[in-house]
Protein backbone atom coordinates (compact mmCIF):
# COMPACT_ATOMS: atom_id res chain seq x y z
CA MET A 1 13.12 5.75 4.28
CA GLN A 2 12.70 3.77 1.08
CA LEU A 3 9.32 3.78 -0.66
CA LYS A 4 8.48 1.05 -3.18
CA ILE A 5 7.28 2.54 -6.47
CA GLY A 6 7.04 -0.69 -8.41
CA THR A 7 8.15 -4.27 -8.95
CA ILE A 8 9.76 -5.58 -12.12
CA GLY A 9 7.52 -8.11 -13.82
CA LYS A 10 7.87 -10.18 -16.98
CA ALA A 11 10.29 -9.43 -19.79
CA HIS A 12 8.54 -7.86 -22.79
CA GLY A 13 10.18 -8.48 -26.13
CA LEU A 14 13.82 -9.28 -26.85
CA HIS A 15 15.58 -6.00 -26.06
CA GLY A 16 15.36 -5.81 -22.25
CA GLU A 17 12.03 -4.04 -21.84
CA VAL A 18 10.19 -5.16 -18.68
CA SER A 19 6.67 -4.78 -17.39
CA VAL A 20 6.47 -2.91 -14.09
CA ILE A 21 3.80 -3.56 -11.47
CA VAL A 22 3.37 0.07 -10.46
CA THR A 23 2.70 1.06 -6.83
CA THR A 24 3.00 4.83 -7.29
CA ASP A 25 0.28 7.29 -8.27
CA VAL A 26 2.64 9.13 -10.61
CA PRO A 27 4.57 6.59 -12.71
CA GLN A 28 5.12 9.13 -15.49
CA GLU A 29 7.09 11.25 -12.97
CA ARG A 30 8.97 8.34 -11.37
CA PHE A 31 10.13 6.55 -14.54
CA VAL A 32 11.62 9.49 -16.44
CA PRO A 33 14.46 8.68 -18.87
CA GLY A 34 17.79 9.43 -17.20
CA HIS A 35 16.52 8.85 -13.64
CA LYS A 36 18.43 6.33 -11.54
CA ILE A 37 16.18 4.15 -9.42
CA ALA A 38 17.41 2.15 -6.43
CA THR A 39 16.43 -1.50 -6.05
CA GLN A 40 15.62 -3.97 -3.33
CA PRO A 41 17.75 -6.04 -3.06
CA ALA A 42 20.22 -3.17 -3.32
CA ASP A 43 22.85 -5.17 -5.21
CA ARG A 44 20.58 -5.28 -8.32
CA GLY A 45 20.74 -1.53 -8.88
CA PRO A 46 20.58 1.31 -9.25
CA LEU A 47 18.87 1.07 -12.63
CA THR A 48 18.87 3.93 -15.15
CA VAL A 49 15.60 4.50 -17.05
CA THR A 50 16.12 4.82 -20.81
CA ARG A 51 12.47 4.58 -21.90
CA GLN A 52 8.99 4.21 -20.41
CA ARG A 53 5.56 3.75 -21.90
CA ALA A 54 2.03 2.86 -20.88
CA HIS A 55 -0.06 0.46 -22.92
CA GLN A 56 -3.53 -0.82 -21.97
CA ASP A 57 -3.15 0.14 -18.28
CA ARG A 58 0.29 -1.49 -18.04
CA TRP A 59 3.68 0.15 -17.71
CA TYR A 60 6.76 -0.96 -19.61
CA VAL A 61 10.23 0.35 -18.82
CA THR A 62 13.63 -0.11 -20.42
CA PHE A 63 16.71 0.23 -18.21
CA GLU A 64 20.26 0.83 -19.40
CA GLU A 65 21.54 -2.04 -17.24
CA ILE A 66 19.11 -4.60 -18.73
CA PRO A 67 20.18 -5.13 -22.37
CA ASP A 68 18.17 -8.22 -23.36
CA ARG A 69 15.38 -10.63 -22.49
CA THR A 70 17.63 -13.08 -20.61
CA VAL A 71 18.91 -10.39 -18.25
CA ALA A 72 15.37 -8.97 -17.96
CA GLU A 73 14.04 -12.33 -16.73
CA SER A 74 16.70 -12.38 -13.99
CA TYR A 75 15.33 -9.07 -12.65
CA ARG A 76 11.78 -10.34 -12.26
CA GLY A 77 10.52 -9.61 -8.73
CA VAL A 78 13.12 -6.91 -7.99
CA GLU A 79 11.52 -3.94 -6.23
CA LEU A 80 12.10 -0.39 -7.44
CA VAL A 81 12.45 2.08 -4.56
CA ILE A 82 13.04 5.79 -3.95
CA GLU A 83 14.20 7.64 -0.87
CA VAL A 84 11.50 9.76 0.85
CA ASP A 85 11.00 11.45 4.19
CA HIS A 86 7.28 12.26 4.22
CA SER A 87 4.44 13.14 1.89
CA ASP A 88 4.01 16.80 0.95
CA GLU A 89 0.22 16.46 0.62
CA ASP A 90 -2.09 17.29 3.53
CA ASP A 91 -4.27 14.18 3.31
CA ALA A 92 -1.71 11.69 1.97
CA TRP A 93 0.74 9.54 3.88
CA TYR A 94 3.33 7.00 2.96
CA PRO A 95 2.87 3.57 4.56
CA HIS A 96 6.05 3.96 6.62
CA GLU A 97 4.62 7.16 8.17
CA LEU A 98 1.54 5.24 9.42
CA GLU A 99 3.21 2.04 10.65
CA GLY A 100 3.44 1.90 14.42
CA LEU A 101 0.97 4.73 15.09
CA GLU A 102 -1.36 4.14 18.03
CA VAL A 103 -4.98 3.48 17.01
CA ARG A 104 -7.72 5.13 19.10
CA ARG A 105 -11.50 5.26 18.94
CA LEU A 106 -13.43 8.55 18.82
CA SER A 107 -13.81 8.20 22.60
CA GLY A 108 -10.01 8.14 22.99
CA ALA A 109 -9.93 4.46 24.00
CA ARG A 110 -6.87 2.64 22.69
CA VAL A 111 -7.48 -0.12 20.13
CA GLY A 112 -3.97 -1.13 19.07
CA ARG A 113 -1.31 -0.12 16.53
CA VAL A 114 -1.17 0.42 12.77
CA ALA A 115 0.62 -2.55 11.21
CA GLY A 116 0.62 -1.18 7.68
CA LEU A 117 -1.36 -0.04 4.68
CA GLU A 118 -2.62 -2.48 2.05
CA PRO A 119 -3.32 -1.07 -1.43
CA LEU A 120 -6.55 -2.64 -2.68
CA PRO A 121 -8.44 -2.06 -5.95
CA ALA A 122 -11.28 0.03 -4.46
CA GLN A 123 -9.32 1.87 -1.74
CA ASP A 124 -6.42 1.31 0.60
CA ALA A 125 -7.00 -0.59 3.84
CA LEU A 126 -5.43 0.36 7.16
CA ILE A 127 -4.07 -2.80 8.80
CA ILE A 128 -4.62 -2.67 12.55
CA ASP A 129 -3.11 -5.03 15.10
CA GLU A 130 -5.56 -4.92 18.00
CA ASP A 131 -4.16 -5.07 21.54
CA GLY A 132 -5.85 -8.47 21.96
CA GLY A 133 -3.85 -9.97 19.09
CA GLU A 134 -6.42 -9.84 16.27
CA ARG A 135 -5.57 -8.19 12.94
CA VAL A 136 -8.28 -6.21 11.14
CA TYR A 137 -8.43 -4.35 7.84
CA LEU A 138 -10.27 -1.02 7.90
CA PRO A 139 -11.02 0.86 4.66
CA PHE A 140 -8.76 3.91 4.76
CA LEU A 141 -11.57 6.39 4.18
CA LYS A 142 -12.18 9.65 6.07
CA ILE A 143 -15.52 8.34 7.36
CA PHE A 144 -13.71 5.46 9.16
CA VAL A 145 -10.36 7.20 9.83
CA PRO A 146 -11.29 10.83 10.54
CA THR A 147 -7.95 11.80 12.12
CA VAL A 148 -4.36 10.99 11.24
CA ASP A 149 -1.82 12.75 13.45
CA VAL A 150 1.61 11.48 12.43
CA ALA A 151 3.40 14.06 14.61
CA GLY A 152 1.21 13.11 17.59
CA GLY A 153 1.77 9.39 16.95
CA TYR A 154 -1.85 8.27 16.55
CA VAL A 155 -4.87 7.77 14.29
CA VAL A 156 -8.51 7.99 15.35
CA ILE A 157 -10.94 5.47 13.91
CA ASP A 158 -14.73 5.17 13.76
CA PRO A 159 -15.13 1.60 12.47
CA PRO A 160 -18.39 0.04 11.28
CA GLY A 161 -20.13 -2.12 13.89
CA GLY A 162 -18.67 -5.57 14.39
CA LEU A 163 -15.30 -4.92 12.75
CA LEU A 164 -13.28 -4.82 15.96
CA THR A 165 -13.12 -7.87 18.22
CA GLU A 166 -14.61 -6.07 21.25
CA ASP A 167 -17.64 -4.99 19.15
CA ARG A 168 -18.54 -8.48 17.95
CA ASP A 169 -20.15 -9.43 21.26
CA GLN A 170 -22.53 -6.51 20.90
CA LEU A 171 -23.98 -7.52 17.53
CA VAL A 172 -27.71 -8.08 17.46
CA VAL A 173 -29.13 -10.88 15.33
CA VAL A 174 -32.47 -10.06 13.71
CA ARG A 175 -34.71 -13.00 12.78
CA ASP A 176 -38.03 -13.19 10.94
CA ASP A 177 -41.14 -14.97 12.24
CA ASP A 178 -39.81 -18.34 11.00
CA GLY A 179 -36.52 -17.93 12.85
CA GLU A 180 -34.47 -17.18 9.73
CA GLN A 181 -31.61 -14.75 10.26
CA LEU A 182 -32.23 -11.46 8.45
CA SER A 183 -29.18 -9.48 9.62
CA SER A 184 -26.58 -9.26 12.29
């Protein structure tokens, strides 16, 4: 299975250096000089890293196959991918390992299926396609997703009230003495 580790961004300078929008936690290990990195679309690679550097929270990489700014601009938007089977960490999963898993509540009741994982600035969000057709985003935190059983084919969730469609009918609206809504 291919895992995206970054996307080539703007050309930087005249000698083929490109910015990389990094989607890996360990860019210093992924963009090592001499490493060949596959691309999506596949016909744009593989690319051989000749240099990498970080500057002000941005990553810049030079590839052997991209000699100048003109060629660099033609690679903008190309995804950089590696081949992986599964994560070696106990509490870490690649998005492709989670996609398609059945989603259950703590009670065991089925909710739907995992559609994917969305990396967000604060934390990742588990994308759930409910059986009724709605799509919801649940923060991928242990408090809301206490169990992930990839081998068993399911995740267990404990979502906050009102997140799932079936819970919205059970919300209670609290009003003050003047009838103004205080909470729901």
